[in-house]
């Protein structure tokens, strides 16, 4: 299996732009970096990236096409994802301890953060539709199995996502001390993240295929 160098370079550039764009996953990583420190941010980055793997597999197997074609199935997943984001908004708003000095997560807490991040991407049908449209553009039948190429490209996309999300999270973790030392800033940040999660949930609920 080989990739055209020009096409692969375009794939890397387009992937980088897509990953850097803010969305629910990026917001979740940043929130955990500020609220839970480095361990929490890395757990969030790993969880959201793992959620991407399911959509890559679905796109390669053609399952994403079913989701895209079925208005009912798309709506079910969409509304479940929207409800989940709004739940995260509510949980962020009521969890004042997140930005307190003892808000650092234990390994058990990291597992919860991981699975919550996993759910954010799993319950977003727009991610499946994105990969269904994005990956085939850089695969060629002349280079072998298109599905296999999509899996390889998806793996590269995930590796880039993990690295960038970890960097996002570690940067946010560096600012944690400022938030913890100033309760008013912590409250403002908590309200900001809660509002953004709610806004993204409403946006997803109104999204079209």
Protein backbone atom coordinates (compact mmCIF):
# COMPACT_ATOMS: atom_id res chain seq x y z
CA UNK A 1 0.00 0.00 0.00
CA UNK A 2 1.43 3.35 -1.05
CA UNK A 3 0.19 6.92 -0.87
CA UNK A 4 0.89 9.66 -3.35
CA UNK A 5 3.24 12.11 -1.57
CA UNK A 6 1.29 15.16 -2.71
CA UNK A 7 -2.05 13.67 -1.69
CA UNK A 8 -0.67 12.56 1.67
CA UNK A 9 0.78 16.02 2.33
CA UNK A 10 -2.62 17.54 1.62
CA UNK A 11 -4.17 15.01 3.97
CA UNK A 12 -1.78 16.00 6.77
CA UNK A 13 -2.47 19.70 6.24
CA UNK A 14 -6.23 19.27 6.11
CA UNK A 15 -6.15 17.00 9.17
CA UNK A 16 -4.14 19.55 11.13
CA UNK A 17 -6.64 22.30 10.35
CA UNK A 18 -9.56 20.04 11.30
CA UNK A 19 -8.00 18.99 14.60
CA UNK A 20 -7.08 22.53 15.62
CA UNK A 21 -10.64 23.77 15.11
CA UNK A 22 -12.45 24.15 18.47
CA UNK A 23 -15.25 21.74 19.22
CA UNK A 24 -16.74 19.67 22.08
CA UNK A 25 -13.67 17.42 22.33
CA UNK A 26 -11.19 20.30 22.51
CA UNK A 27 -13.39 22.06 25.04
CA UNK A 28 -13.55 18.93 27.19
CA UNK A 29 -9.76 18.52 27.16
CA UNK A 30 -9.23 22.17 28.12
CA UNK A 31 -11.81 21.96 30.89
CA UNK A 32 -10.10 18.95 32.43
CA UNK A 33 -6.68 20.54 32.09
CA UNK A 34 -7.85 23.54 34.07
CA UNK A 35 -9.98 21.61 36.51
CA UNK A 36 -8.09 18.35 37.02
CA UNK A 37 -4.51 19.07 36.06
CA UNK A 38 -2.18 17.14 33.77
CA UNK A 39 -3.52 13.66 34.57
CA UNK A 40 -7.08 14.69 33.88
CA UNK A 41 -6.17 16.46 30.65
CA UNK A 42 -4.29 13.44 29.31
CA UNK A 43 -7.18 11.14 30.25
CA UNK A 44 -9.56 13.47 28.41
CA UNK A 45 -7.30 13.58 25.35
CA UNK A 46 -7.04 9.78 25.27
CA UNK A 47 -10.79 9.33 25.71
CA UNK A 48 -11.83 11.75 22.99
CA UNK A 49 -9.22 10.30 20.61
CA UNK A 50 -10.42 6.75 21.32
CA UNK A 51 -13.91 7.88 20.41
CA UNK A 52 -12.61 8.87 16.99
CA UNK A 53 -11.46 5.28 16.35
CA UNK A 54 -15.04 4.02 16.27
CA UNK A 55 -15.99 6.55 13.60
CA UNK A 56 -12.90 5.69 11.54
CA UNK A 57 -13.81 2.00 11.65
CA UNK A 58 -17.41 2.84 10.77
CA UNK A 59 -16.32 4.93 7.78
CA UNK A 60 -13.94 2.22 6.51
CA UNK A 61 -16.60 -0.47 6.90
CA UNK A 62 -19.31 1.61 5.28
CA UNK A 63 -21.40 1.76 8.46
CA UNK A 64 -21.12 5.55 8.49
CA UNK A 65 -22.91 5.60 5.14
CA UNK A 66 -25.92 3.96 6.80
CA UNK A 67 -25.91 6.59 9.52
CA UNK A 68 -25.69 9.32 6.91
CA UNK A 69 -28.49 7.82 4.82
CA UNK A 70 -30.89 7.12 7.69
CA UNK A 71 -32.57 10.28 8.91
CA UNK A 72 -34.05 8.44 11.91
CA UNK A 73 -30.75 6.89 13.03
CA UNK A 74 -28.89 10.14 12.51
CA UNK A 75 -31.45 12.00 14.61
CA UNK A 76 -31.32 9.44 17.43
CA UNK A 77 -27.55 9.70 17.74
CA UNK A 78 -27.64 13.47 17.27
CA UNK A 79 -30.16 14.09 20.05
CA UNK A 80 -28.39 11.66 22.37
CA UNK A 81 -25.15 13.57 21.78
CA UNK A 82 -26.84 16.91 22.32
CA UNK A 83 -28.40 15.71 25.57
CA UNK A 84 -25.00 14.43 26.71
CA UNK A 85 -23.32 17.79 26.08
CA UNK A 86 -26.07 19.60 27.96
CA UNK A 87 -25.60 17.12 30.82
CA UNK A 88 -21.89 17.96 30.84
CA UNK A 89 -22.84 21.65 31.02
CA UNK A 90 -25.04 20.99 34.05
CA UNK A 91 -22.38 18.83 35.72
CA UNK A 92 -19.70 21.47 35.13
CA UNK A 93 -21.92 24.20 36.54
CA UNK A 94 -22.74 22.36 39.75
CA UNK A 95 -19.26 20.93 40.41
CA UNK A 96 -17.62 23.82 42.23
CA UNK A 97 -14.91 21.44 43.52
CA UNK A 98 -13.52 21.03 40.01
CA UNK A 99 -11.51 24.24 40.29
CA UNK A 100 -10.57 23.84 43.94
CA UNK A 101 -7.06 22.80 45.13
CA UNK A 102 -8.26 19.26 45.89
CA UNK A 103 -9.85 18.91 42.47
CA UNK A 104 -7.03 16.78 41.07
CA UNK A 105 -8.20 13.40 39.85
CA UNK A 106 -7.18 9.98 41.09
CA UNK A 107 -6.61 7.09 38.64
CA UNK A 108 -10.25 6.10 39.20
CA UNK A 109 -11.24 9.66 38.31
CA UNK A 110 -9.10 9.51 35.19
CA UNK A 111 -11.06 6.47 34.01
CA UNK A 112 -14.31 8.39 34.39
CA UNK A 113 -12.81 11.32 32.48
CA UNK A 114 -11.63 8.94 29.73
CA UNK A 115 -15.05 7.36 29.23
CA UNK A 116 -16.83 10.69 29.35
CA UNK A 117 -14.50 11.94 26.60
CA UNK A 118 -15.10 8.75 24.66
CA UNK A 119 -18.83 9.39 24.85
CA UNK A 120 -18.50 12.94 23.55
CA UNK A 121 -17.20 11.74 20.19
CA UNK A 122 -19.19 8.51 20.01
CA UNK A 123 -22.47 10.40 20.35
CA UNK A 124 -21.64 12.96 17.67
CA UNK A 125 -22.88 11.69 14.29
CA UNK A 126 -21.21 14.63 12.55
CA UNK A 127 -17.85 12.96 13.26
CA UNK A 128 -18.87 9.84 11.30
CA UNK A 129 -20.18 11.92 8.43
CA UNK A 130 -16.92 13.91 8.45
CA UNK A 131 -14.74 10.81 8.09
CA UNK A 132 -17.06 9.31 5.50
CA UNK A 133 -16.56 12.40 3.35
CA UNK A 134 -12.94 13.17 4.30
CA UNK A 135 -10.94 9.93 4.17
CA UNK A 136 -12.00 8.63 0.71
CA UNK A 137 -10.62 11.80 -0.88
CA UNK A 138 -7.08 10.60 -0.10
CA UNK A 139 -7.54 6.91 -0.93
CA UNK A 140 -7.12 5.44 -4.40
CA UNK A 141 -8.32 2.11 -5.77
CA UNK A 142 -5.05 1.89 -7.71
CA UNK A 143 -3.10 1.79 -4.43
CA UNK A 144 -4.88 -1.24 -3.00
CA UNK A 145 -7.84 -1.71 -0.67
CA UNK A 146 -9.63 1.58 -0.15
CA UNK A 147 -10.91 0.42 3.24
CA UNK A 148 -7.36 -0.44 4.35
CA UNK A 149 -6.11 2.94 3.19
CA UNK A 150 -8.90 4.67 5.11
CA UNK A 151 -7.90 2.76 8.25
CA UNK A 152 -4.27 3.83 7.87
CA UNK A 153 -5.24 7.44 7.23
CA UNK A 154 -7.61 7.31 10.17
CA UNK A 155 -4.83 6.00 12.40
CA UNK A 156 -2.59 8.88 11.34
CA UNK A 157 -5.42 11.33 12.03
CA UNK A 158 -5.89 9.83 15.50
CA UNK A 159 -2.17 10.03 16.29
CA UNK A 160 -2.16 13.70 15.33
CA UNK A 161 -5.31 14.28 17.37
CA UNK A 162 -3.82 12.68 20.47
CA UNK A 163 -0.61 14.71 20.28
CA UNK A 164 -2.41 18.02 19.73
CA UNK A 165 -5.06 17.35 22.38
CA UNK A 166 -2.41 16.37 24.95
CA UNK A 167 -0.57 19.63 24.20
CA UNK A 168 -3.84 21.57 24.57
CA UNK A 169 -4.50 19.87 27.88
CA UNK A 170 -1.01 20.37 29.28
CA UNK A 171 -1.14 24.04 28.35
CA UNK A 172 -4.45 24.39 30.17
CA UNK A 173 -3.01 22.53 33.16
CA UNK A 174 -0.24 25.10 33.39
CA UNK A 175 -2.89 27.77 33.93
CA UNK A 176 -4.63 25.76 36.65
CA UNK A 177 -2.71 27.44 39.48
CA UNK A 178 -4.06 30.83 38.41
CA UNK A 179 -7.64 29.54 38.46
CA UNK A 180 -7.26 27.77 41.81
CA UNK A 181 -5.65 30.80 43.48
CA UNK A 182 -8.49 33.09 42.41
CA UNK A 183 -11.95 31.65 43.21
CA UNK A 184 -13.74 34.33 41.21
CA UNK A 185 -11.78 33.38 38.11
CA UNK A 186 -12.60 29.73 38.81
CA UNK A 187 -16.31 30.54 38.96
CA UNK A 188 -16.12 32.54 35.74
CA UNK A 189 -14.27 29.72 33.97
CA UNK A 190 -16.79 27.17 35.24
CA UNK A 191 -19.71 29.24 33.94
CA UNK A 192 -17.91 29.79 30.65
CA UNK A 193 -17.30 26.08 30.05
CA UNK A 194 -20.84 25.20 31.11
CA UNK A 195 -22.25 27.78 28.69
CA UNK A 196 -20.07 26.52 25.85
CA UNK A 197 -21.05 22.88 26.45
CA UNK A 198 -24.72 23.90 26.45
CA UNK A 199 -24.30 25.97 23.29
CA UNK A 200 -22.55 23.10 21.50
CA UNK A 201 -25.31 20.74 22.61
CA UNK A 202 -27.99 23.01 21.19
CA UNK A 203 -25.96 23.44 18.01
CA UNK A 204 -25.70 19.67 17.59
CA UNK A 205 -29.44 19.28 18.21
CA UNK A 206 -30.13 21.71 15.35
CA UNK A 207 -27.51 20.21 13.00
CA UNK A 208 -28.55 18.80 9.64
CA UNK A 209 -27.02 15.82 7.88
